[in-house]
C-alpha atoms as a PDB file:
ATOM      1  CA  MET A   1       7.477 -22.877 -19.387  1.00  0.00           C
ATOM      2  CA  GLU A   2       7.849 -19.149 -19.496  1.00  0.00           C
ATOM      3  CA  TYR A   3       5.041 -16.675 -19.320  1.00  0.00           C
ATOM      4  CA  ILE A   4       3.981 -13.238 -20.706  1.00  0.00           C
ATOM      5  CA  ASP A   5       1.274 -10.488 -20.352  1.00  0.00           C
ATOM      6  CA  MET A   6      -0.131  -9.119 -23.579  1.00  0.00           C
ATOM      7  CA  HIS A   7      -2.412  -6.420 -22.180  1.00  0.00           C
ATOM      8  CA  VAL A   8      -0.743  -3.756 -19.841  1.00  0.00           C
ATOM      9  CA  HIS A   9      -1.510  -0.127 -19.213  1.00  0.00           C
ATOM     10  CA  SER A  10       0.859   2.610 -17.799  1.00  0.00           C
ATOM     11  CA  THR A  11       0.722   6.195 -16.802  1.00  0.00           C
ATOM     12  CA  PHE A  12       0.579   7.293 -20.269  1.00  0.00           C
ATOM     13  CA  SER A  13      -3.060   6.239 -20.459  1.00  0.00           C
ATOM     14  CA  ASP A  14      -5.142   5.078 -17.456  1.00  0.00           C
ATOM     15  CA  GLY A  15      -2.669   2.889 -15.442  1.00  0.00           C
ATOM     16  CA  THR A  16      -1.089   4.005 -12.337  1.00  0.00           C
ATOM     17  CA  CYS A  17       2.520   2.449 -12.970  1.00  0.00           C
ATOM     18  CA  THR A  18       5.235   4.144 -14.640  1.00  0.00           C
ATOM     19  CA  PRO A  19       7.185   2.330 -17.351  1.00  0.00           C
ATOM     20  CA  GLU A  20       9.913   1.661 -14.872  1.00  0.00           C
ATOM     21  CA  GLU A  21       7.492   0.362 -12.280  1.00  0.00           C
ATOM     22  CA  LEU A  22       5.925  -2.057 -14.903  1.00  0.00           C
ATOM     23  CA  VAL A  23       9.380  -3.440 -15.774  1.00  0.00           C
ATOM     24  CA  GLN A  24       9.963  -3.905 -12.098  1.00  0.00           C
ATOM     25  CA  ILE A  25       6.766  -5.704 -11.517  1.00  0.00           C
ATOM     26  CA  ALA A  26       7.400  -7.898 -14.503  1.00  0.00           C
ATOM     27  CA  GLN A  27      10.880  -8.964 -13.198  1.00  0.00           C
ATOM     28  CA  GLU A  28       9.209  -9.709  -9.781  1.00  0.00           C
ATOM     29  CA  LYS A  29       6.617 -11.780 -11.540  1.00  0.00           C
ATOM     30  CA  LYS A  30       9.306 -13.468 -13.466  1.00  0.00           C
ATOM     31  CA  LEU A  31       7.581 -12.555 -16.796  1.00  0.00           C
ATOM     32  CA  LYS A  32       9.479 -13.300 -20.023  1.00  0.00           C
ATOM     33  CA  ALA A  33       7.795 -10.458 -21.844  1.00  0.00           C
ATOM     34  CA  PHE A  34       4.892  -7.838 -21.938  1.00  0.00           C
ATOM     35  CA  VAL A  35       3.173  -5.699 -24.340  1.00  0.00           C
ATOM     36  CA  LEU A  36       2.408  -2.241 -23.484  1.00  0.00           C
ATOM     37  CA  THR A  37      -1.190  -1.566 -24.860  1.00  0.00           C
ATOM     38  CA  ASP A  38      -2.078   2.012 -23.753  1.00  0.00           C
ATOM     39  CA  HIS A  39      -5.355   3.457 -24.814  1.00  0.00           C
ATOM     40  CA  ASP A  40      -5.096   5.327 -28.112  1.00  0.00           C
ATOM     41  CA  THR A  41      -1.386   6.150 -27.523  1.00  0.00           C
ATOM     42  CA  VAL A  42       2.133   4.659 -28.077  1.00  0.00           C
ATOM     43  CA  ALA A  43       3.731   7.623 -26.241  1.00  0.00           C
ATOM     44  CA  GLY A  44       5.015   5.431 -23.498  1.00  0.00           C
ATOM     45  CA  VAL A  45       6.565   2.475 -25.615  1.00  0.00           C
ATOM     46  CA  GLU A  46      10.009   3.775 -26.115  1.00  0.00           C
ATOM     47  CA  ARG A  47      10.499   4.751 -22.410  1.00  0.00           C
ATOM     48  CA  THR A  48       9.181   1.417 -21.280  1.00  0.00           C
ATOM     49  CA  ILE A  49      11.587  -0.519 -23.797  1.00  0.00           C
ATOM     50  CA  LYS A  50      14.503   1.651 -22.519  1.00  0.00           C
ATOM     51  CA  ALA A  51      13.563   0.759 -18.871  1.00  0.00           C
ATOM     52  CA  ALA A  52      13.663  -2.973 -19.678  1.00  0.00           C
ATOM     53  CA  GLU A  53      17.251  -2.892 -21.157  1.00  0.00           C
ATOM     54  CA  GLY A  54      19.433  -5.233 -19.251  1.00  0.00           C
ATOM     55  CA  SER A  55      16.418  -6.439 -17.130  1.00  0.00           C
ATOM     56  CA  GLY A  56      15.823  -9.794 -18.800  1.00  0.00           C
ATOM     57  CA  VAL A  57      12.273  -8.716 -19.719  1.00  0.00           C
ATOM     58  CA  LEU A  58      11.191  -8.190 -23.272  1.00  0.00           C
ATOM     59  CA  VAL A  59       8.869  -5.190 -23.877  1.00  0.00           C
ATOM     60  CA  LEU A  60       6.864  -5.214 -27.095  1.00  0.00           C
ATOM     61  CA  PRO A  61       4.876  -2.293 -28.778  1.00  0.00           C
ATOM     62  CA  GLY A  62       1.211  -2.219 -28.704  1.00  0.00           C
ATOM     63  CA  ILE A  63      -2.009  -0.176 -28.359  1.00  0.00           C
ATOM     64  CA  GLU A  64      -5.582  -0.562 -27.461  1.00  0.00           C
ATOM     65  CA  VAL A  65      -7.770   1.561 -29.964  1.00  0.00           C
ATOM     66  CA  SER A  66     -11.353   2.139 -28.700  1.00  0.00           C
ATOM     67  CA  ALA A  67     -14.194   2.032 -31.405  1.00  0.00           C
ATOM     68  CA  VAL A  68     -17.975   2.074 -31.218  1.00  0.00           C
ATOM     69  CA  TYR A  69     -19.976  -0.886 -32.819  1.00  0.00           C
ATOM     70  CA  GLN A  70     -23.951  -0.725 -32.817  1.00  0.00           C
ATOM     71  CA  GLY A  71     -23.893   1.652 -29.922  1.00  0.00           C
ATOM     72  CA  ARG A  72     -21.388  -0.490 -27.766  1.00  0.00           C
ATOM     73  CA  ASP A  73     -17.910   0.403 -26.852  1.00  0.00           C
ATOM     74  CA  ILE A  74     -15.367  -2.246 -28.291  1.00  0.00           C
ATOM     75  CA  HIS A  75     -11.693  -2.213 -28.039  1.00  0.00           C
ATOM     76  CA  ILE A  76      -9.042  -3.539 -30.607  1.00  0.00           C
ATOM     77  CA  LEU A  77      -5.586  -4.338 -29.510  1.00  0.00           C
ATOM     78  CA  GLY A  78      -2.888  -3.716 -32.032  1.00  0.00           C
ATOM     79  CA  TYR A  79       0.316  -5.741 -31.590  1.00  0.00           C
ATOM     80  CA  ASP A  80       3.857  -4.961 -32.986  1.00  0.00           C
ATOM     81  CA  VAL A  81       2.727  -1.612 -34.301  1.00  0.00           C
ATOM     82  CA  ASP A  82       5.389   0.690 -35.954  1.00  0.00           C
ATOM     83  CA  ILE A  83       5.434   3.501 -33.230  1.00  0.00           C
ATOM     84  CA  HIS A  84       7.125   5.840 -35.838  1.00  0.00           C
ATOM     85  CA  ASN A  85       4.739   5.523 -38.502  1.00  0.00           C
ATOM     86  CA  LYS A  86       3.841   9.054 -39.603  1.00  0.00           C
ATOM     87  CA  GLU A  87       0.112   8.441 -40.659  1.00  0.00           C
ATOM     88  CA  PHE A  88      -0.409   6.209 -37.640  1.00  0.00           C
ATOM     89  CA  LEU A  89       0.801   8.941 -35.247  1.00  0.00           C
ATOM     90  CA  GLU A  90      -1.233  11.616 -37.036  1.00  0.00           C
ATOM     91  CA  GLN A  91      -4.380   9.682 -36.590  1.00  0.00           C
ATOM     92  CA  LEU A  92      -3.619   9.067 -32.928  1.00  0.00           C
ATOM     93  CA  ASP A  93      -3.152  12.785 -32.607  1.00  0.00           C
ATOM     94  CA  HIS A  94      -6.528  13.401 -34.060  1.00  0.00           C
ATOM     95  CA  TYR A  95      -7.998  10.923 -31.515  1.00  0.00           C
ATOM     96  CA  GLN A  96      -6.152  12.956 -28.823  1.00  0.00           C
ATOM     97  CA  LYS A  97      -7.462  16.247 -29.645  1.00  0.00           C
ATOM     98  CA  GLU A  98     -11.096  14.925 -29.692  1.00  0.00           C
ATOM     99  CA  ARG A  99     -10.591  13.376 -26.447  1.00  0.00           C
ATOM    100  CA  GLU A 100      -9.040  16.646 -24.971  1.00  0.00           C
ATOM    101  CA  ASN A 101     -12.065  18.595 -26.179  1.00  0.00           C
ATOM    102  CA  ARG A 102     -14.449  16.172 -24.433  1.00  0.00           C
ATOM    103  CA  ASN A 103     -12.327  16.127 -21.258  1.00  0.00           C
ATOM    104  CA  ASP A 104     -12.384  19.991 -21.074  1.00  0.00           C
ATOM    105  CA  ARG A 105     -16.182  20.084 -21.396  1.00  0.00           C
ATOM    106  CA  MET A 106     -16.559  17.231 -18.733  1.00  0.00           C
ATOM    107  CA  ILE A 107     -14.148  19.174 -16.334  1.00  0.00           C
ATOM    108  CA  GLN A 108     -16.285  22.099 -16.639  1.00  0.00           C
ATOM    109  CA  LEU A 109     -19.536  20.140 -15.851  1.00  0.00           C
ATOM    110  CA  LEU A 110     -17.784  18.751 -12.758  1.00  0.00           C
ATOM    111  CA  ALA A 111     -16.882  22.091 -11.630  1.00  0.00           C
ATOM    112  CA  GLU A 112     -20.469  23.484 -12.229  1.00  0.00           C
ATOM    113  CA  HIS A 113     -21.643  20.575  -9.932  1.00  0.00           C
ATOM    114  CA  GLY A 114     -19.501  21.949  -6.989  1.00  0.00           C
ATOM    115  CA  PHE A 115     -16.392  20.035  -7.415  1.00  0.00           C
ATOM    116  CA  SER A 116     -12.874  21.776  -7.099  1.00  0.00           C
ATOM    117  CA  ILE A 117     -11.274  20.616 -10.360  1.00  0.00           C
ATOM    118  CA  SER A 118      -9.703  22.069 -13.323  1.00  0.00           C
ATOM    119  CA  LYS A 119      -7.652  21.094 -16.281  1.00  0.00           C
ATOM    120  CA  GLN A 120      -4.423  22.611 -14.797  1.00  0.00           C
ATOM    121  CA  LYS A 121      -4.924  20.536 -11.631  1.00  0.00           C
ATOM    122  CA  ILE A 122      -5.562  17.334 -13.472  1.00  0.00           C
ATOM    123  CA  GLU A 123      -2.487  17.806 -15.702  1.00  0.00           C
ATOM    124  CA  GLU A 124      -0.211  18.626 -12.460  1.00  0.00           C
ATOM    125  CA  ARG A 125      -1.513  15.498 -10.781  1.00  0.00           C
ATOM    126  CA  PHE A 126      -0.943  13.192 -13.861  1.00  0.00           C
ATOM    127  CA  PRO A 127       1.814  14.777 -16.094  1.00  0.00           C
ATOM    128  CA  GLY A 128       2.110  13.325 -19.513  1.00  0.00           C
ATOM    129  CA  ALA A 129      -0.910  10.971 -19.290  1.00  0.00           C
ATOM    130  CA  VAL A 130      -3.555  10.536 -21.878  1.00  0.00           C
ATOM    131  CA  MET A 131      -6.491  11.806 -19.757  1.00  0.00           C
ATOM    132  CA  THR A 132      -9.584   9.618 -19.253  1.00  0.00           C
ATOM    133  CA  ARG A 133     -12.499   9.611 -16.821  1.00  0.00           C
ATOM    134  CA  ALA A 134     -10.553   7.440 -14.604  1.00  0.00           C
ATOM    135  CA  HIS A 135      -8.061  10.376 -13.768  1.00  0.00           C
ATOM    136  CA  PHE A 136     -10.977  12.501 -12.999  1.00  0.00           C
ATOM    137  CA  ALA A 137     -12.408   9.994 -10.581  1.00  0.00           C
ATOM    138  CA  ARG A 138      -8.887   9.348  -9.009  1.00  0.00           C
ATOM    139  CA  TYR A 139      -8.313  12.989  -8.623  1.00  0.00           C
ATOM    140  CA  LEU A 140     -11.450  13.590  -6.840  1.00  0.00           C
ATOM    141  CA  PHE A 141     -11.075  10.589  -4.674  1.00  0.00           C
ATOM    142  CA  ASP A 142      -7.560  11.580  -3.696  1.00  0.00           C
ATOM    143  CA  GLU A 143      -8.703  15.050  -2.816  1.00  0.00           C
ATOM    144  CA  GLY A 144     -11.520  13.614  -0.631  1.00  0.00           C
ATOM    145  CA  GLN A 145     -14.330  15.050  -2.719  1.00  0.00           C
ATOM    146  CA  ILE A 146     -15.895  11.582  -3.128  1.00  0.00           C
ATOM    147  CA  SER A 147     -15.806   8.536  -0.942  1.00  0.00           C
ATOM    148  CA  SER A 148     -14.709   6.184  -3.860  1.00  0.00           C
ATOM    149  CA  VAL A 149     -13.653   6.008  -7.439  1.00  0.00           C
ATOM    150  CA  LYS A 150     -16.640   3.994  -7.921  1.00  0.00           C
ATOM    151  CA  GLU A 151     -18.885   6.860  -6.690  1.00  0.00           C
ATOM    152  CA  ALA A 152     -17.533   9.011  -9.291  1.00  0.00           C
ATOM    153  CA  PHE A 153     -18.645   6.790 -12.170  1.00  0.00           C
ATOM    154  CA  GLU A 154     -21.986   5.829 -10.594  1.00  0.00           C
ATOM    155  CA  LYS A 155     -23.119   9.365  -9.779  1.00  0.00           C
ATOM    156  CA  TYR A 156     -21.287  11.821 -12.057  1.00  0.00           C
ATOM    157  CA  ILE A 157     -19.260  10.592 -15.012  1.00  0.00           C
ATOM    158  CA  GLY A 158     -20.763   7.171 -15.847  1.00  0.00           C
ATOM    159  CA  VAL A 159     -22.855   6.880 -18.871  1.00  0.00           C
ATOM    160  CA  GLY A 160     -26.115   8.806 -18.188  1.00  0.00           C
ATOM    161  CA  CYS A 161     -24.857  10.734 -15.269  1.00  0.00           C
ATOM    162  CA  PRO A 162     -24.866  14.581 -15.094  1.00  0.00           C
ATOM    163  CA  CYS A 163     -21.329  15.166 -15.986  1.00  0.00           C
ATOM    164  CA  TYR A 164     -21.029  12.454 -18.722  1.00  0.00           C
ATOM    165  CA  LEU A 165     -20.568  13.351 -22.329  1.00  0.00           C
ATOM    166  CA  PRO A 166     -20.344  10.709 -25.007  1.00  0.00           C
ATOM    167  CA  LYS A 167     -17.098  10.662 -26.804  1.00  0.00           C
ATOM    168  CA  LYS A 168     -16.885  11.105 -30.695  1.00  0.00           C
ATOM    169  CA  GLU A 169     -17.432   7.748 -32.248  1.00  0.00           C
ATOM    170  CA  ILE A 170     -14.648   5.876 -33.816  1.00  0.00           C
ATOM    171  CA  THR A 171     -15.892   3.238 -36.226  1.00  0.00           C
ATOM    172  CA  PRO A 172     -14.396  -0.391 -36.119  1.00  0.00           C
ATOM    173  CA  GLU A 173     -13.211   0.437 -39.773  1.00  0.00           C
ATOM    174  CA  GLU A 174     -11.270   3.506 -38.454  1.00  0.00           C
ATOM    175  CA  ALA A 175      -9.631   1.561 -35.558  1.00  0.00           C
ATOM    176  CA  MET A 176      -8.629  -1.527 -37.693  1.00  0.00           C
ATOM    177  CA  ARG A 177      -7.212   0.858 -40.369  1.00  0.00           C
ATOM    178  CA  CYS A 178      -5.199   2.978 -37.661  1.00  0.00           C
ATOM    179  CA  ILE A 179      -3.562  -0.380 -36.456  1.00  0.00           C
ATOM    180  CA  ARG A 180      -2.978  -1.856 -39.944  1.00  0.00           C
ATOM    181  CA  ILE A 181      -1.372   1.238 -41.318  1.00  0.00           C
ATOM    182  CA  ALA A 182       1.247   0.959 -38.594  1.00  0.00           C
ATOM    183  CA  GLY A 183       1.828  -2.787 -39.747  1.00  0.00           C
ATOM    184  CA  GLY A 184       0.202  -4.064 -36.537  1.00  0.00           C
ATOM    185  CA  HIS A 185      -1.875  -7.257 -35.838  1.00  0.00           C
ATOM    186  CA  PRO A 186      -5.527  -6.478 -34.719  1.00  0.00           C
ATOM    187  CA  VAL A 187      -6.900  -8.588 -32.067  1.00  0.00           C
ATOM    188  CA  LEU A 188     -10.492  -8.168 -30.520  1.00  0.00           C
ATOM    189  CA  ALA A 189      -9.888  -7.450 -26.826  1.00  0.00           C
ATOM    190  CA  HIS A 190     -11.994  -9.065 -24.040  1.00  0.00           C
ATOM    191  CA  PRO A 191     -15.171  -9.871 -26.045  1.00  0.00           C
ATOM    192  CA  MET A 192     -17.052 -11.149 -22.965  1.00  0.00           C
ATOM    193  CA  LEU A 193     -17.176  -7.755 -21.488  1.00  0.00           C
ATOM    194  CA  TYR A 194     -19.394  -6.291 -24.099  1.00  0.00           C
ATOM    195  CA  HIS A 195     -22.463  -7.977 -22.793  1.00  0.00           C
ATOM    196  CA  MET A 196     -23.542  -9.536 -26.170  1.00  0.00           C
ATOM    197  CA  GLU A 197     -25.267 -12.702 -26.743  1.00  0.00           C
ATOM    198  CA  ARG A 198     -22.969 -15.193 -28.130  1.00  0.00           C
ATOM    199  CA  ASN A 199     -24.464 -15.054 -31.653  1.00  0.00           C
ATOM    200  CA  GLU A 200     -23.961 -11.382 -31.571  1.00  0.00           C
ATOM    201  CA  ILE A 201     -20.258 -11.933 -30.625  1.00  0.00           C
ATOM    202  CA  GLU A 202     -19.861 -14.237 -33.545  1.00  0.00           C
ATOM    203  CA  THR A 203     -21.401 -11.628 -35.843  1.00  0.00           C
ATOM    204  CA  LEU A 204     -19.082  -8.997 -34.504  1.00  0.00           C
ATOM    205  CA  VAL A 205     -16.034 -11.347 -34.950  1.00  0.00           C
ATOM    206  CA  HIS A 206     -17.126 -12.154 -38.590  1.00  0.00           C
ATOM    207  CA  TYR A 207     -17.502  -8.392 -39.364  1.00  0.00           C
ATOM    208  CA  LEU A 208     -14.064  -7.583 -38.074  1.00  0.00           C
ATOM    209  CA  ILE A 209     -12.489 -10.427 -40.082  1.00  0.00           C
ATOM    210  CA  SER A 210     -13.620  -8.640 -43.063  1.00  0.00           C
ATOM    211  CA  LEU A 211     -11.588  -5.727 -41.821  1.00  0.00           C
ATOM    212  CA  GLY A 212      -8.500  -7.681 -41.216  1.00  0.00           C
ATOM    213  CA  LEU A 213      -8.914  -9.090 -37.783  1.00  0.00           C
ATOM    214  CA  GLU A 214      -6.338 -11.672 -36.853  1.00  0.00           C
ATOM    215  CA  GLY A 215      -6.935 -12.810 -33.289  1.00  0.00           C
ATOM    216  CA  ILE A 216      -9.127 -12.985 -30.126  1.00  0.00           C
ATOM    217  CA  GLU A 217      -8.047 -12.130 -26.623  1.00  0.00           C
ATOM    218  CA  THR A 218      -8.967 -15.286 -25.014  1.00  0.00           C
ATOM    219  CA  ILE A 219      -6.985 -15.785 -21.836  1.00  0.00           C
ATOM    220  CA  TYR A 220      -8.188 -12.815 -19.844  1.00  0.00           C
ATOM    221  CA  SER A 221      -8.641 -11.658 -16.202  1.00  0.00           C
ATOM    222  CA  ASN A 222     -12.553 -11.683 -16.082  1.00  0.00           C
ATOM    223  CA  ASN A 223     -13.193 -14.674 -18.241  1.00  0.00           C
ATOM    224  CA  SER A 224     -14.545 -17.850 -16.459  1.00  0.00           C
ATOM    225  CA  LYS A 225     -13.050 -21.188 -17.553  1.00  0.00           C
ATOM    226  CA  GLU A 226     -16.229 -21.788 -19.634  1.00  0.00           C
ATOM    227  CA  GLU A 227     -15.896 -18.420 -21.297  1.00  0.00           C
ATOM    228  CA  GLU A 228     -12.309 -19.049 -22.063  1.00  0.00           C
ATOM    229  CA  GLN A 229     -13.059 -22.423 -23.712  1.00  0.00           C
ATOM    230  CA  TYR A 230     -15.931 -20.767 -25.799  1.00  0.00           C
ATOM    231  CA  LEU A 231     -13.512 -18.098 -27.062  1.00  0.00           C
ATOM    232  CA  ARG A 232     -10.865 -20.854 -27.999  1.00  0.00           C
ATOM    233  CA  GLN A 233     -13.640 -22.626 -30.021  1.00  0.00           C
ATOM    234  CA  LEU A 234     -14.667 -19.356 -31.634  1.00  0.00           C
ATOM    235  CA  ALA A 235     -11.026 -18.547 -32.546  1.00  0.00           C
ATOM    236  CA  LYS A 236     -10.783 -21.975 -34.158  1.00  0.00           C
ATOM    237  CA  LYS A 237     -13.967 -21.753 -35.789  1.00  0.00           C
ATOM    238  CA  PHE A 238     -12.872 -18.660 -37.687  1.00  0.00           C
ATOM    239  CA  GLY A 239      -9.331 -19.470 -38.024  1.00  0.00           C
ATOM    240  CA  LEU A 240      -7.924 -16.740 -35.623  1.00  0.00           C
ATOM    241  CA  TYR A 241      -5.215 -17.112 -33.212  1.00  0.00           C
ATOM    242  CA  ILE A 242      -5.582 -16.454 -29.494  1.00  0.00           C
ATOM    243  CA  THR A 243      -3.834 -13.947 -27.158  1.00  0.00           C
ATOM    244  CA  GLY A 244      -4.012 -13.360 -23.553  1.00  0.00           C
ATOM    245  CA  GLY A 245      -3.469 -10.535 -21.035  1.00  0.00           C
ATOM    246  CA  SER A 246      -4.250  -9.248 -17.601  1.00  0.00           C
ATOM    247  CA  ASP A 247      -5.515  -5.760 -18.598  1.00  0.00           C
ATOM    248  CA  PHE A 248      -3.220  -4.501 -15.727  1.00  0.00           C
ATOM    249  CA  HIS A 249      -4.008  -0.799 -14.646  1.00  0.00           C
ATOM    250  CA  GLY A 250      -2.153  -0.768 -11.289  1.00  0.00           C
ATOM    251  CA  SER A 251      -4.220   0.656  -8.519  1.00  0.00           C
ATOM    252  CA  ASN A 252      -7.090   1.750 -10.714  1.00  0.00           C
ATOM    253  CA  LYS A 253      -7.981  -1.935 -10.866  1.00  0.00           C
ATOM    254  CA  PRO A 254      -6.460  -3.166  -7.670  1.00  0.00           C
ATOM    255  CA  ALA A 255      -7.998  -6.728  -7.989  1.00  0.00           C
ATOM    256  CA  ILE A 256      -5.941  -7.289 -11.294  1.00  0.00           C
ATOM    257  CA  GLN A 257      -2.326  -8.301 -11.034  1.00  0.00           C
ATOM    258  CA  MET A 258       0.217  -8.195 -13.906  1.00  0.00           C
ATOM    259  CA  GLY A 259       0.799 -11.579 -15.280  1.00  0.00           C
ATOM    260  CA  THR A 260      -1.902 -13.280 -13.416  1.00  0.00           C
ATOM    261  CA  GLY A 261      -4.884 -10.986 -13.541  1.00  0.00           C
ATOM    262  CA  LYS A 262      -7.599 -11.796 -10.785  1.00  0.00           C
ATOM    263  CA  ASN A 263      -8.299 -15.455 -11.780  1.00  0.00           C
ATOM    264  CA  ASN A 264      -4.637 -16.845 -11.699  1.00  0.00           C
ATOM    265  CA  ILE A 265      -4.450 -16.713 -15.410  1.00  0.00           C
ATOM    266  CA  ARG A 266      -1.190 -17.744 -17.201  1.00  0.00           C
ATOM    267  CA  VAL A 267      -0.135 -16.551 -20.746  1.00  0.00           C
ATOM    268  CA  PRO A 268       2.317 -18.885 -22.290  1.00  0.00           C
ATOM    269  CA  GLU A 269       5.227 -17.350 -24.309  1.00  0.00           C
ATOM    270  CA  GLU A 270       4.424 -19.194 -27.368  1.00  0.00           C
ATOM    271  CA  LEU A 271       1.481 -16.984 -28.107  1.00  0.00           C
ATOM    272  CA  LEU A 272       3.986 -14.311 -29.100  1.00  0.00           C
ATOM    273  CA  LYS A 273       4.749 -16.323 -32.210  1.00  0.00           C
ATOM    274  CA  ASN A 274       1.815 -14.943 -34.079  1.00  0.00           C
ATOM    275  CA  ILE A 275       2.587 -11.358 -33.640  1.00  0.00           C
ATOM    276  CA  TRP A 276       6.293 -11.225 -33.265  1.00  0.00           C
ATOM    277  CA  LYS A 277       8.402 -12.711 -35.988  1.00  0.00           C
ATOM    278  CA  ASN A 278      11.842 -11.667 -34.962  1.00  0.00           C
END
């Protein structure tokens, strides 16, 4: 049996591996394919596909779109999106401008709290990346201004901390529409991370189905065997297919390995059949 990874991030969002490095790791892990699912951007897809030419690894286009549901962040994976769709790209550009405004204000707050940080310094350190709080934390750690990336989130840029600002909320309707206008297949990412009761998860899934949800990410790095089984049953109950992925971010999440996550997960190639018809 051959294996894949349907949830991978690059330096074009908050991962630390370039497209070329991802392809190399996939080869080393003997993966048949992986889906690049950077946060709110498809800017790295073409480069990753090009890097994989002749490698024996299939790279598929994807995205992970953030939304807010009843005060909680949720993520929707979009598989097999048309990365050239004009309306899709315009919507992503709008999200990016909102993100940039928030980032500028958070950088200013960090500077006011005594850190040596600026937008220019961050962009020079992470050229071409879609900036997130993870980049701020990594920069401060690399510069020796904090003792760990975790400290940045716990003391400064985590929810409720002095340099944190809430992002403009994107509704699930907007996130689902964004994926669907690009012809993508919407899948609910890592449901067990949302700290919901199971009846709340079912309510969320039922609601997203009304918006076009097709699948649930079931085989996932942080899921216990019992949680995975629950999600399999949930997918069956609602007539959804399952997907699986590591949520690989490179050294930003060092415990998670591409292809196997942190609990030695294995995602069979056959799961691609629901999202990739070619």
